C-alpha atoms as a PDB file:
ATOM      1  CA  MET A   1       5.258  -5.381   5.808  1.00  0.00           C
ATOM      2  CA  ARG A   2       8.325  -3.316   6.579  1.00  0.00           C
ATOM      3  CA  GLY A   3      11.907  -4.551   6.118  1.00  0.00           C
ATOM      4  CA  ARG A   4      13.707  -5.779   3.132  1.00  0.00           C
ATOM      5  CA  ILE A   5      11.823  -5.334  -0.144  1.00  0.00           C
ATOM      6  CA  THR A   6      12.468  -7.781  -2.916  1.00  0.00           C
ATOM      7  CA  ALA A   7      11.306  -7.886  -6.505  1.00  0.00           C
ATOM      8  CA  GLY A   8       8.511 -10.265  -7.362  1.00  0.00           C
ATOM      9  CA  THR A   9       6.729  -9.901  -3.937  1.00  0.00           C
ATOM     10  CA  LEU A  10       4.094  -7.686  -2.809  1.00  0.00           C
ATOM     11  CA  PHE A  11       4.343  -5.854   0.438  1.00  0.00           C
ATOM     12  CA  ARG A  12       1.954  -3.805   2.717  1.00  0.00           C
ATOM     13  CA  LYS A  13       2.471  -1.558   5.612  1.00  0.00           C
ATOM     14  CA  SER A  14       2.985  -3.278   8.997  1.00  0.00           C
ATOM     15  CA  ARG A  15       1.331  -1.812  12.060  1.00  0.00           C
ATOM     16  CA  ARG A  16       4.464  -1.909  14.259  1.00  0.00           C
ATOM     17  CA  PRO A  17       8.121  -1.438  13.404  1.00  0.00           C
ATOM     18  CA  VAL A  18      10.245  -4.552  13.890  1.00  0.00           C
ATOM     19  CA  TRP A  19      12.752  -2.607  16.102  1.00  0.00           C
ATOM     20  CA  LEU A  20       9.878  -1.577  18.417  1.00  0.00           C
ATOM     21  CA  SER A  21       8.669  -5.000  18.924  1.00  0.00           C
ATOM     22  CA  ILE A  22      11.990  -6.420  19.761  1.00  0.00           C
ATOM     23  CA  SER A  23      12.872  -3.391  22.050  1.00  0.00           C
ATOM     24  CA  TRP A  24       9.869  -3.590  24.288  1.00  0.00           C
ATOM     25  CA  ARG A  25      10.291  -7.487  24.628  1.00  0.00           C
ATOM     26  CA  VAL A  26      14.022  -7.070  25.710  1.00  0.00           C
ATOM     27  CA  ALA A  27      13.123  -4.253  27.973  1.00  0.00           C
ATOM     28  CA  ALA A  28      10.443  -6.294  29.628  1.00  0.00           C
ATOM     29  CA  VAL A  29      12.657  -9.270  30.159  1.00  0.00           C
ATOM     30  CA  LEU A  30      15.513  -7.238  31.436  1.00  0.00           C
ATOM     31  CA  GLY A  31      13.221  -5.234  33.848  1.00  0.00           C
ATOM     32  CA  LEU A  32      11.745  -8.474  35.312  1.00  0.00           C
ATOM     33  CA  LEU A  33      15.157  -9.995  35.678  1.00  0.00           C
ATOM     34  CA  ALA A  34      16.427  -6.756  37.474  1.00  0.00           C
ATOM     35  CA  ILE A  35      13.471  -6.848  39.895  1.00  0.00           C
ATOM     36  CA  ALA A  36      14.084 -10.517  40.718  1.00  0.00           C
ATOM     37  CA  ILE A  37      17.869 -10.054  41.291  1.00  0.00           C
ATOM     38  CA  GLY A  38      17.228  -6.991  43.402  1.00  0.00           C
ATOM     39  CA  VAL A  39      14.736  -8.824  45.752  1.00  0.00           C
ATOM     40  CA  HIS A  40      17.026 -11.947  45.857  1.00  0.00           C
ATOM     41  CA  TRP A  41      20.040  -9.853  46.783  1.00  0.00           C
ATOM     42  CA  LEU A  42      18.114  -7.959  49.449  1.00  0.00           C
ATOM     43  CA  ASP A  43      16.938 -11.313  50.912  1.00  0.00           C
ATOM     44  CA  ARG A  44      20.018 -13.315  50.278  1.00  0.00           C
ATOM     45  CA  ASP A  45      20.068 -14.554  53.838  1.00  0.00           C
ATOM     46  CA  GLY A  46      16.947 -16.611  52.857  1.00  0.00           C
ATOM     47  CA  LEU A  47      19.136 -18.625  50.264  1.00  0.00           C
ATOM     48  CA  ARG A  48      21.528 -21.374  50.922  1.00  0.00           C
ATOM     49  CA  ASP A  49      24.514 -22.307  48.725  1.00  0.00           C
ATOM     50  CA  ASN A  50      25.071 -26.082  49.127  1.00  0.00           C
ATOM     51  CA  TYR A  51      28.506 -25.715  47.565  1.00  0.00           C
ATOM     52  CA  ASP A  52      30.314 -23.356  49.778  1.00  0.00           C
ATOM     53  CA  GLY A  53      27.683 -21.924  52.100  1.00  0.00           C
ATOM     54  CA  LYS A  54      28.241 -18.349  50.957  1.00  0.00           C
ATOM     55  CA  ILE A  55      25.863 -16.163  48.767  1.00  0.00           C
ATOM     56  CA  SER A  56      27.630 -13.713  46.623  1.00  0.00           C
ATOM     57  CA  PHE A  57      26.126 -11.270  44.160  1.00  0.00           C
ATOM     58  CA  VAL A  58      27.147 -13.662  41.276  1.00  0.00           C
ATOM     59  CA  ASP A  59      25.326 -16.465  43.102  1.00  0.00           C
ATOM     60  CA  VAL A  60      22.240 -14.329  43.253  1.00  0.00           C
ATOM     61  CA  VAL A  61      22.546 -13.515  39.488  1.00  0.00           C
ATOM     62  CA  TYR A  62      23.037 -17.199  38.733  1.00  0.00           C
ATOM     63  CA  PHE A  63      20.243 -18.385  40.953  1.00  0.00           C
ATOM     64  CA  THR A  64      17.808 -15.859  39.452  1.00  0.00           C
ATOM     65  CA  PHE A  65      18.566 -16.686  35.817  1.00  0.00           C
ATOM     66  CA  ILE A  66      18.402 -20.364  36.557  1.00  0.00           C
ATOM     67  CA  SER A  67      15.089 -20.022  38.574  1.00  0.00           C
ATOM     68  CA  ILE A  68      13.448 -17.991  35.827  1.00  0.00           C
ATOM     69  CA  THR A  69      14.669 -20.058  32.896  1.00  0.00           C
ATOM     70  CA  THR A  70      14.529 -23.483  34.400  1.00  0.00           C
ATOM     71  CA  THR A  71      13.217 -25.267  37.481  1.00  0.00           C
ATOM     72  CA  GLY A  72      16.746 -24.975  39.128  1.00  0.00           C
ATOM     73  CA  TYR A  73      19.502 -27.397  39.890  1.00  0.00           C
ATOM     74  CA  GLY A  74      19.264 -27.393  43.684  1.00  0.00           C
ATOM     75  CA  ASP A  75      22.798 -26.199  44.316  1.00  0.00           C
ATOM     76  CA  ILE A  76      21.320 -22.892  45.580  1.00  0.00           C
ATOM     77  CA  ALA A  77      17.893 -23.055  47.284  1.00  0.00           C
ATOM     78  CA  PRO A  78      15.476 -20.762  49.262  1.00  0.00           C
ATOM     79  CA  VAL A  79      15.278 -21.911  52.741  1.00  0.00           C
ATOM     80  CA  THR A  80      13.161 -19.282  54.537  1.00  0.00           C
ATOM     81  CA  GLU A  81       9.463 -18.938  54.114  1.00  0.00           C
ATOM     82  CA  ARG A  82       9.736 -15.441  52.815  1.00  0.00           C
ATOM     83  CA  ALA A  83      12.225 -16.562  50.121  1.00  0.00           C
ATOM     84  CA  ARG A  84      10.114 -19.586  49.067  1.00  0.00           C
ATOM     85  CA  LEU A  85       6.950 -17.385  48.931  1.00  0.00           C
ATOM     86  CA  PHE A  86       8.805 -14.875  46.657  1.00  0.00           C
ATOM     87  CA  ASP A  87       9.955 -17.754  44.422  1.00  0.00           C
ATOM     88  CA  ALA A  88       6.495 -19.157  44.290  1.00  0.00           C
ATOM     89  CA  LEU A  89       4.438 -16.085  43.869  1.00  0.00           C
ATOM     90  CA  ILE A  90       6.794 -13.819  41.925  1.00  0.00           C
ATOM     91  CA  VAL A  91       9.504 -15.759  40.335  1.00  0.00           C
ATOM     92  CA  THR A  92       7.265 -18.516  38.929  1.00  0.00           C
ATOM     93  CA  PRO A  93       4.857 -16.006  37.201  1.00  0.00           C
ATOM     94  CA  ILE A  94       7.899 -14.051  35.851  1.00  0.00           C
ATOM     95  CA  ARG A  95       9.110 -17.464  34.447  1.00  0.00           C
ATOM     96  CA  VAL A  96       5.832 -18.079  32.844  1.00  0.00           C
ATOM     97  CA  PHE A  97       5.700 -14.515  31.310  1.00  0.00           C
ATOM     98  CA  VAL A  98       9.265 -14.683  30.055  1.00  0.00           C
ATOM     99  CA  VAL A  99       8.319 -17.951  28.312  1.00  0.00           C
ATOM    100  CA  LEU A 100       5.298 -16.388  26.766  1.00  0.00           C
ATOM    101  CA  LEU A 101       7.499 -13.491  25.549  1.00  0.00           C
ATOM    102  CA  PHE A 102       9.901 -16.003  23.905  1.00  0.00           C
ATOM    103  CA  ILE A 103       6.963 -17.801  22.288  1.00  0.00           C
ATOM    104  CA  GLY A 104       5.357 -14.488  21.224  1.00  0.00           C
ATOM    105  CA  THR A 105       8.608 -13.293  19.735  1.00  0.00           C
ATOM    106  CA  THR A 106       9.035 -16.727  17.936  1.00  0.00           C
ATOM    107  CA  TYR A 107       5.515 -16.278  16.612  1.00  0.00           C
ATOM    108  CA  ASP A 108       6.031 -12.628  15.506  1.00  0.00           C
ATOM    109  CA  PHE A 109       9.409 -12.969  13.761  1.00  0.00           C
ATOM    110  CA  VAL A 110       9.042 -16.576  12.473  1.00  0.00           C
ATOM    111  CA  LEU A 111       5.616 -18.055  12.285  1.00  0.00           C
ATOM    112  CA  LYS A 112       3.699 -14.830  11.734  1.00  0.00           C
ATOM    113  CA  ARG A 113       6.126 -13.439   9.110  1.00  0.00           C
ATOM    114  CA  THR A 114       6.068 -16.816   7.263  1.00  0.00           C
ATOM    115  CA  TRP A 115       2.308 -16.733   7.383  1.00  0.00           C
ATOM    116  CA  GLU A 116       2.294 -13.076   6.261  1.00  0.00           C
ATOM    117  CA  LYS A 117       4.602 -13.938   3.356  1.00  0.00           C
ATOM    118  CA  TRP A 118       2.341 -16.877   2.418  1.00  0.00           C
ATOM    119  CA  ARG A 119      -0.746 -14.632   2.688  1.00  0.00           C
ATOM    120  CA  MET A 120       0.612 -11.940   0.559  1.00  0.00           C
ATOM    121  CA  ALA A 121       1.871 -14.437  -2.022  1.00  0.00           C
ATOM    122  CA  ARG A 122      -1.787 -15.857  -2.059  1.00  0.00           C
ATOM    123  CA  ILE A 123      -3.133 -12.330  -2.517  1.00  0.00           C
ATOM    124  CA  GLN A 124      -0.698 -11.864  -5.370  1.00  0.00           C
ATOM    125  CA  ARG A 125      -1.888 -15.059  -6.990  1.00  0.00           C
ATOM    126  CA  GLU A 126      -5.630 -13.828  -6.615  1.00  0.00           C
ATOM    127  CA  LEU A 127      -4.990 -10.252  -7.471  1.00  0.00           C
ATOM    128  CA  THR A 128      -7.576  -9.010  -9.994  1.00  0.00           C
ATOM    129  CA  GLY A 129      -9.400  -5.755 -10.713  1.00  0.00           C
ATOM    130  CA  HIS A 130      -6.454  -3.732  -9.334  1.00  0.00           C
ATOM    131  CA  ILE A 131      -4.741  -0.429 -10.637  1.00  0.00           C
ATOM    132  CA  VAL A 132      -0.989  -0.785 -11.348  1.00  0.00           C
ATOM    133  CA  VAL A 133       0.960   2.451 -11.081  1.00  0.00           C
ATOM    134  CA  ALA A 134       4.383   2.245 -12.718  1.00  0.00           C
ATOM    135  CA  GLY A 135       6.530   5.018 -11.266  1.00  0.00           C
ATOM    136  CA  PHE A 136       6.027   6.881  -8.033  1.00  0.00           C
ATOM    137  CA  GLY A 137       7.480  10.204  -8.627  1.00  0.00           C
ATOM    138  CA  GLN A 138       5.602  13.474  -8.295  1.00  0.00           C
ATOM    139  CA  THR A 139       3.021  12.616 -11.107  1.00  0.00           C
ATOM    140  CA  GLY A 140       2.638   8.950  -9.880  1.00  0.00           C
ATOM    141  CA  SER A 141       2.107   9.994  -6.288  1.00  0.00           C
ATOM    142  CA  GLU A 142      -0.409  12.690  -7.265  1.00  0.00           C
ATOM    143  CA  ALA A 143      -2.365  10.211  -9.410  1.00  0.00           C
ATOM    144  CA  VAL A 144      -2.370   7.726  -6.406  1.00  0.00           C
ATOM    145  CA  ASP A 145      -3.599  10.533  -4.046  1.00  0.00           C
ATOM    146  CA  GLU A 146      -6.361  11.525  -6.370  1.00  0.00           C
ATOM    147  CA  LEU A 147      -7.416   7.812  -6.781  1.00  0.00           C
ATOM    148  CA  ILE A 148      -7.598   7.424  -3.092  1.00  0.00           C
ATOM    149  CA  ALA A 149      -9.554  10.807  -2.740  1.00  0.00           C
ATOM    150  CA  ARG A 150     -12.039   9.692  -5.367  1.00  0.00           C
ATOM    151  CA  GLY A 151     -12.807   6.486  -3.112  1.00  0.00           C
ATOM    152  CA  ARG A 152     -10.503   4.014  -4.416  1.00  0.00           C
ATOM    153  CA  ASP A 153      -9.348   1.461  -1.867  1.00  0.00           C
ATOM    154  CA  ALA A 154      -5.550   1.980  -1.353  1.00  0.00           C
ATOM    155  CA  ALA A 155      -5.107  -1.786  -1.059  1.00  0.00           C
ATOM    156  CA  THR A 156      -6.320  -2.283  -4.571  1.00  0.00           C
ATOM    157  CA  ILE A 157      -3.423  -0.047  -6.021  1.00  0.00           C
ATOM    158  CA  VAL A 158      -0.248  -1.745  -6.689  1.00  0.00           C
ATOM    159  CA  VAL A 159       2.850   0.663  -7.062  1.00  0.00           C
ATOM    160  CA  VAL A 160       6.050  -0.560  -8.819  1.00  0.00           C
ATOM    161  CA  ASP A 161       9.151   1.526  -8.731  1.00  0.00           C
ATOM    162  CA  GLY A 162      12.960   1.050  -8.501  1.00  0.00           C
ATOM    163  CA  SER A 163      13.308   3.324  -5.500  1.00  0.00           C
ATOM    164  CA  ALA A 164      12.635   1.800  -2.013  1.00  0.00           C
ATOM    165  CA  GLU A 165      12.485   5.305  -0.577  1.00  0.00           C
ATOM    166  CA  ARG A 166       9.635   6.374  -2.846  1.00  0.00           C
ATOM    167  CA  LEU A 167       7.923   2.958  -2.332  1.00  0.00           C
ATOM    168  CA  ALA A 168       7.985   3.698   1.358  1.00  0.00           C
ATOM    169  CA  VAL A 169       5.699   6.696   0.877  1.00  0.00           C
ATOM    170  CA  ALA A 170       3.271   4.540  -1.205  1.00  0.00           C
ATOM    171  CA  GLU A 171       3.446   1.778   1.436  1.00  0.00           C
ATOM    172  CA  ALA A 172       2.424   4.414   4.088  1.00  0.00           C
ATOM    173  CA  LEU A 173      -0.650   5.138   1.950  1.00  0.00           C
ATOM    174  CA  GLY A 174      -1.662   1.512   2.316  1.00  0.00           C
ATOM    175  CA  CYS A 175      -0.841   0.543  -1.254  1.00  0.00           C
ATOM    176  CA  ALA A 176       0.667  -2.734  -2.126  1.00  0.00           C
ATOM    177  CA  ILE A 177       4.237  -2.125  -3.394  1.00  0.00           C
ATOM    178  CA  MET A 178       6.885  -4.007  -5.461  1.00  0.00           C
ATOM    179  CA  VAL A 179      10.403  -2.872  -6.245  1.00  0.00           C
ATOM    180  CA  GLY A 180      11.329  -3.743  -9.849  1.00  0.00           C
ATOM    181  CA  ASP A 181      11.703  -2.651 -13.488  1.00  0.00           C
ATOM    182  CA  ALA A 182       8.207  -2.294 -15.082  1.00  0.00           C
ATOM    183  CA  THR A 183       9.792  -2.572 -18.545  1.00  0.00           C
ATOM    184  CA  ARG A 184      10.555  -6.288 -17.897  1.00  0.00           C
ATOM    185  CA  ASP A 185       7.860  -8.903 -18.656  1.00  0.00           C
ATOM    186  CA  ARG A 186       8.713 -10.775 -15.398  1.00  0.00           C
ATOM    187  CA  THR A 187       7.800  -7.788 -13.224  1.00  0.00           C
ATOM    188  CA  LEU A 188       4.443  -7.144 -14.870  1.00  0.00           C
ATOM    189  CA  ILE A 189       3.485 -10.792 -14.862  1.00  0.00           C
ATOM    190  CA  ASP A 190       4.350 -10.842 -11.088  1.00  0.00           C
ATOM    191  CA  LEU A 191       1.945  -7.852 -10.867  1.00  0.00           C
ATOM    192  CA  ARG A 192      -0.749  -9.874 -12.647  1.00  0.00           C
ATOM    193  CA  ILE A 193      -0.954  -7.155 -15.267  1.00  0.00           C
ATOM    194  CA  ALA A 194      -3.307  -9.201 -17.441  1.00  0.00           C
ATOM    195  CA  ASP A 195      -5.878  -9.196 -14.539  1.00  0.00           C
ATOM    196  CA  ALA A 196      -5.537  -5.448 -13.700  1.00  0.00           C
ATOM    197  CA  CYS A 197      -8.311  -2.977 -14.478  1.00  0.00           C
ATOM    198  CA  SER A 198      -6.032  -0.193 -15.456  1.00  0.00           C
ATOM    199  CA  LEU A 199      -2.340   0.794 -15.743  1.00  0.00           C
ATOM    200  CA  ILE A 200      -0.962   4.297 -14.996  1.00  0.00           C
ATOM    201  CA  VAL A 201       2.583   4.823 -16.447  1.00  0.00           C
ATOM    202  CA  ALA A 202       4.574   7.793 -14.968  1.00  0.00           C
ATOM    203  CA  ALA A 203       8.130   6.649 -15.222  1.00  0.00           C
ATOM    204  CA  GLY A 204       9.597  10.054 -15.435  1.00  0.00           C
ATOM    205  CA  ARG A 205      11.219   9.521 -18.741  1.00  0.00           C
ATOM    206  CA  ASP A 206       9.288   9.232 -22.043  1.00  0.00           C
ATOM    207  CA  ASP A 207      11.356   6.391 -23.464  1.00  0.00           C
ATOM    208  CA  THR A 208      11.007   4.453 -20.364  1.00  0.00           C
ATOM    209  CA  SER A 209       7.268   5.117 -20.143  1.00  0.00           C
ATOM    210  CA  ILE A 210       6.801   4.058 -23.869  1.00  0.00           C
ATOM    211  CA  LEU A 211       8.722   0.859 -23.324  1.00  0.00           C
ATOM    212  CA  ILE A 212       6.610   0.016 -20.209  1.00  0.00           C
ATOM    213  CA  THR A 213       3.498   0.686 -22.280  1.00  0.00           C
ATOM    214  CA  LEU A 214       4.754  -1.608 -24.999  1.00  0.00           C
ATOM    215  CA  THR A 215       5.613  -4.353 -22.584  1.00  0.00           C
ATOM    216  CA  ALA A 216       2.212  -4.138 -20.902  1.00  0.00           C
ATOM    217  CA  ARG A 217       0.317  -4.024 -24.135  1.00  0.00           C
ATOM    218  CA  HIS A 218       1.631  -7.322 -25.389  1.00  0.00           C
ATOM    219  CA  LEU A 219       0.920  -8.908 -22.116  1.00  0.00           C
ATOM    220  CA  ALA A 220      -2.536  -7.398 -21.692  1.00  0.00           C
ATOM    221  CA  PRO A 221      -4.051  -6.559 -25.083  1.00  0.00           C
ATOM    222  CA  ASP A 222      -7.272  -5.185 -23.608  1.00  0.00           C
ATOM    223  CA  LEU A 223      -5.869  -3.183 -20.649  1.00  0.00           C
ATOM    224  CA  PRO A 224      -6.555   0.477 -20.360  1.00  0.00           C
ATOM    225  CA  ILE A 225      -3.202   2.193 -20.119  1.00  0.00           C
ATOM    226  CA  SER A 226      -2.734   5.883 -19.322  1.00  0.00           C
ATOM    227  CA  VAL A 227       0.682   7.252 -19.902  1.00  0.00           C
ATOM    228  CA  ILE A 228       2.267  10.739 -19.376  1.00  0.00           C
ATOM    229  CA  VAL A 229       4.868  12.000 -21.750  1.00  0.00           C
ATOM    230  CA  LYS A 230       6.774  15.210 -21.526  1.00  0.00           C
ATOM    231  CA  ALA A 231       7.579  15.866 -25.165  1.00  0.00           C
ATOM    232  CA  GLU A 232       4.829  16.467 -27.680  1.00  0.00           C
ATOM    233  CA  ASP A 233       6.828  14.445 -30.299  1.00  0.00           C
ATOM    234  CA  ASN A 234       6.442  11.304 -28.113  1.00  0.00           C
ATOM    235  CA  GLU A 235       2.591  11.368 -28.065  1.00  0.00           C
ATOM    236  CA  VAL A 236       2.434   9.473 -31.247  1.00  0.00           C
ATOM    237  CA  PRO A 237       4.921   6.858 -30.333  1.00  0.00           C
ATOM    238  CA  ALA A 238       3.095   6.358 -26.935  1.00  0.00           C
ATOM    239  CA  ARG A 239      -0.116   5.671 -28.832  1.00  0.00           C
ATOM    240  CA  ALA A 240       1.609   3.429 -31.219  1.00  0.00           C
ATOM    241  CA  ALA A 241       3.027   1.432 -28.303  1.00  0.00           C
ATOM    242  CA  GLY A 242      -0.520   0.866 -27.026  1.00  0.00           C
ATOM    243  CA  ALA A 243      -1.459   3.615 -24.739  1.00  0.00           C
ATOM    244  CA  THR A 244      -5.243   4.194 -24.435  1.00  0.00           C
ATOM    245  CA  THR A 245      -4.696   7.749 -23.007  1.00  0.00           C
ATOM    246  CA  VAL A 246      -1.687   9.942 -23.478  1.00  0.00           C
ATOM    247  CA  ILE A 247      -1.255  12.997 -21.324  1.00  0.00           C
ATOM    248  CA  ASN A 248       1.182  15.807 -21.954  1.00  0.00           C
ATOM    249  CA  PRO A 249       1.302  18.011 -18.959  1.00  0.00           C
ATOM    250  CA  VAL A 250       3.042  20.801 -20.851  1.00  0.00           C
ATOM    251  CA  SER A 251       0.275  20.846 -23.487  1.00  0.00           C
ATOM    252  CA  PHE A 252      -2.348  20.826 -20.987  1.00  0.00           C
ATOM    253  CA  ALA A 253      -0.665  23.660 -19.110  1.00  0.00           C
ATOM    254  CA  GLY A 254      -0.524  25.504 -22.390  1.00  0.00           C
ATOM    255  CA  LEU A 255      -4.251  24.996 -22.988  1.00  0.00           C
ATOM    256  CA  LEU A 256      -4.944  26.439 -19.529  1.00  0.00           C
ATOM    257  CA  LEU A 257      -2.726  29.439 -20.132  1.00  0.00           C
ATOM    258  CA  ALA A 258      -4.291  30.046 -23.572  1.00  0.00           C
ATOM    259  CA  SER A 259      -7.743  29.858 -22.136  1.00  0.00           C
ATOM    260  CA  SER A 260      -7.031  32.213 -19.245  1.00  0.00           C
ATOM    261  CA  CYS A 261      -6.168  34.843 -21.948  1.00  0.00           C
ATOM    262  CA  SER A 262      -9.855  35.050 -22.944  1.00  0.00           C
ATOM    263  CA  GLY A 263     -11.128  34.860 -19.332  1.00  0.00           C
ATOM    264  CA  SER A 264     -10.230  33.353 -16.007  1.00  0.00           C
ATOM    265  CA  HIS A 265     -13.362  31.399 -15.566  1.00  0.00           C
ATOM    266  CA  VAL A 266     -12.665  28.893 -18.443  1.00  0.00           C
ATOM    267  CA  ALA A 267      -9.426  27.723 -16.912  1.00  0.00           C
ATOM    268  CA  ASP A 268     -10.994  27.635 -13.481  1.00  0.00           C
ATOM    269  CA  TYR A 269     -13.799  25.434 -14.844  1.00  0.00           C
ATOM    270  CA  MET A 270     -11.227  23.158 -16.678  1.00  0.00           C
ATOM    271  CA  MET A 271      -9.379  22.659 -13.344  1.00  0.00           C
ATOM    272  CA  ASP A 272     -12.691  21.913 -11.571  1.00  0.00           C
ATOM    273  CA  LEU A 273     -13.338  19.136 -14.111  1.00  0.00           C
ATOM    274  CA  ALA A 274      -9.813  17.665 -13.713  1.00  0.00           C
ATOM    275  CA  SER A 275      -9.734  17.620  -9.900  1.00  0.00           C
ATOM    276  CA  TYR A 276     -11.635  15.664  -7.282  1.00  0.00           C
ATOM    277  CA  ASP A 277     -11.922  18.841  -5.199  1.00  0.00           C
ATOM    278  CA  GLY A 278     -13.871  20.654  -8.005  1.00  0.00           C
ATOM    279  CA  ARG A 279     -17.471  21.356  -7.835  1.00  0.00           C
ATOM    280  CA  VAL A 280     -18.007  19.294 -11.024  1.00  0.00           C
ATOM    281  CA  GLN A 281     -16.375  16.168 -12.424  1.00  0.00           C
ATOM    282  CA  LEU A 282     -16.136  14.415 -15.799  1.00  0.00           C
ATOM    283  CA  ALA A 283     -17.417  10.744 -15.575  1.00  0.00           C
ATOM    284  CA  GLU A 284     -17.456   8.013 -18.203  1.00  0.00           C
ATOM    285  CA  ARG A 285     -19.923   5.148 -18.248  1.00  0.00           C
ATOM    286  CA  ALA A 286     -21.665   2.611 -20.572  1.00  0.00           C
ATOM    287  CA  ALA A 287     -25.135   3.660 -21.941  1.00  0.00           C
ATOM    288  CA  ARG A 288     -28.021   2.330 -19.942  1.00  0.00           C
ATOM    289  CA  ALA A 289     -30.919   0.225 -21.396  1.00  0.00           C
ATOM    290  CA  GLU A 290     -33.476   2.889 -20.662  1.00  0.00           C
ATOM    291  CA  GLU A 291     -31.409   5.500 -22.526  1.00  0.00           C
ATOM    292  CA  ILE A 292     -31.213   3.617 -25.875  1.00  0.00           C
ATOM    293  CA  GLY A 293     -32.986   5.602 -28.601  1.00  0.00           C
ATOM    294  CA  GLN A 294     -33.038   8.781 -26.468  1.00  0.00           C
ATOM    295  CA  PRO A 295     -30.884  11.929 -27.303  1.00  0.00           C
ATOM    296  CA  LEU A 296     -27.654  12.454 -25.269  1.00  0.00           C
ATOM    297  CA  SER A 297     -29.146  15.766 -24.025  1.00  0.00           C
ATOM    298  CA  SER A 298     -31.948  13.791 -22.273  1.00  0.00           C
ATOM    299  CA  ILE A 299     -29.855  11.733 -19.880  1.00  0.00           C
ATOM    300  CA  ARG A 300     -30.610  12.457 -16.156  1.00  0.00           C
ATOM    301  CA  THR A 301     -27.448  11.510 -14.511  1.00  0.00           C
ATOM    302  CA  GLY A 302     -25.418  14.547 -15.705  1.00  0.00           C
ATOM    303  CA  LEU A 303     -24.784  16.783 -18.628  1.00  0.00           C
ATOM    304  CA  GLY A 304     -23.931  14.667 -21.632  1.00  0.00           C
ATOM    305  CA  VAL A 305     -21.028  16.212 -23.572  1.00  0.00           C
ATOM    306  CA  ARG A 306     -19.808  13.273 -25.822  1.00  0.00           C
ATOM    307  CA  ILE A 307     -20.521   9.665 -26.845  1.00  0.00           C
ATOM    308  CA  TYR A 308     -18.031   7.036 -28.092  1.00  0.00           C
ATOM    309  CA  ARG A 309     -19.408   4.682 -30.687  1.00  0.00           C
ATOM    310  CA  GLY A 310     -17.072   2.190 -32.310  1.00  0.00           C
ATOM    311  CA  GLY A 311     -14.169   4.002 -30.862  1.00  0.00           C
ATOM    312  CA  LYS A 312     -15.023   7.264 -32.446  1.00  0.00           C
ATOM    313  CA  PRO A 313     -16.049  10.362 -30.431  1.00  0.00           C
ATOM    314  CA  PHE A 314     -19.229  12.335 -31.152  1.00  0.00           C
ATOM    315  CA  GLY A 315     -20.081  15.684 -29.443  1.00  0.00           C
ATOM    316  CA  PHE A 316     -23.675  16.493 -28.185  1.00  0.00           C
ATOM    317  CA  PHE A 317     -23.827  18.762 -31.305  1.00  0.00           C
ATOM    318  CA  ASP A 318     -23.272  15.862 -33.719  1.00  0.00           C
ATOM    319  CA  ASP A 319     -26.226  14.006 -35.482  1.00  0.00           C
ATOM    320  CA  GLU A 320     -25.036  10.750 -33.931  1.00  0.00           C
ATOM    321  CA  ALA A 321     -25.842  12.091 -30.489  1.00  0.00           C
ATOM    322  CA  ALA A 322     -29.436  12.407 -31.334  1.00  0.00           C
ATOM    323  CA  ALA A 323     -30.123   8.739 -30.531  1.00  0.00           C
ATOM    324  CA  ILE A 324     -28.016   6.694 -28.084  1.00  0.00           C
ATOM    325  CA  GLN A 325     -27.383   3.232 -29.346  1.00  0.00           C
ATOM    326  CA  PRO A 326     -26.375  -0.099 -27.478  1.00  0.00           C
ATOM    327  CA  GLY A 327     -22.715  -0.244 -26.818  1.00  0.00           C
ATOM    328  CA  ASP A 328     -22.257   3.612 -26.631  1.00  0.00           C
ATOM    329  CA  VAL A 329     -19.934   5.064 -23.906  1.00  0.00           C
ATOM    330  CA  ILE A 330     -21.253   8.337 -22.481  1.00  0.00           C
ATOM    331  CA  VAL A 331     -18.924  11.018 -21.203  1.00  0.00           C
ATOM    332  CA  GLU A 332     -20.904  13.414 -18.877  1.00  0.00           C
ATOM    333  CA  ILE A 333     -20.379  16.254 -16.463  1.00  0.00           C
ATOM    334  CA  VAL A 334     -21.688  15.445 -12.954  1.00  0.00           C
ATOM    335  CA  ALA A 335     -21.876  17.388  -9.738  1.00  0.00           C
ATOM    336  CA  HIS A 336     -19.372  16.521  -7.059  1.00  0.00           C
ATOM    337  CA  ARG A 337     -21.044  13.928  -4.801  1.00  0.00           C
ATOM    338  CA  GLY A 338     -20.133  15.997  -1.766  1.00  0.00           C
ATOM    339  CA  ILE A 339     -22.192  18.883  -3.206  1.00  0.00           C
ATOM    340  CA  ALA A 340     -25.024  17.162  -4.872  1.00  0.00           C
ATOM    341  CA  GLY A 341     -26.361  13.628  -4.590  1.00  0.00           C
END
């Protein structure tokens, strides 16, 4: 929904700008009035003014407006057959059309928007299983683009930011948006953070991102939270605040640069794993019933590289990976679905 954006309310993109809807309605009414005035003026001899017997241009404008908006007062009336036919076959349909335009405008800008506001409030109340993105700068926007590229419905992504300009970009993608401060409890409660499936924090400042993480964690103790920090020193505070995953782009870039020194293919493969456009992807899932007791190397859905058991990671080379147990989480390398089934 375009227009004013207020905190505490979700918005989604409207199909037609407000100014365009108003403009074409005004243009249609003015066009119809101009046609009717022109014909009445050309055929003014078919009209009779019961007041002074003369028909001026002002009289024609007055008679046209009265005829289109009401049934008329009888002070000016058509007296010839041609004038009466024009009023019956042209002016009357114009009157009906103008009334419908007025009703449609009332519906669009009063009833429809009231209904849309109520509908979005209802969606907000029933919001569940959504992804909240706190911060829509360069990193946040790239994360949203990647989520959508991976098949995530944009309507299930809620973006919160303090900038209406940045939110307009998210809105154009089809995301639900909210202007607000994600460090505040009220904002995250309005976003139904406790019912979200994940939170991505990319506020642009490490201290702000850590505070958002801390606020979200006390509201949603079990929520997966991914946060990006720029300083290596802030990785530990981010984890202490409750972040499930902490990403440092500087450190990651350093790893790629260091890997490229021993060969360009290692860095290339790492980029493949991280990007949706790559030939391979990293996937995470729970162990299946038929895999219990089997070694990690025997899974058929991909190449098993790690399992998480009790929150601890074990590589394919560890003894713990020799037999998958109930509750294990498997991290595997799978082929891109556009390349292999």
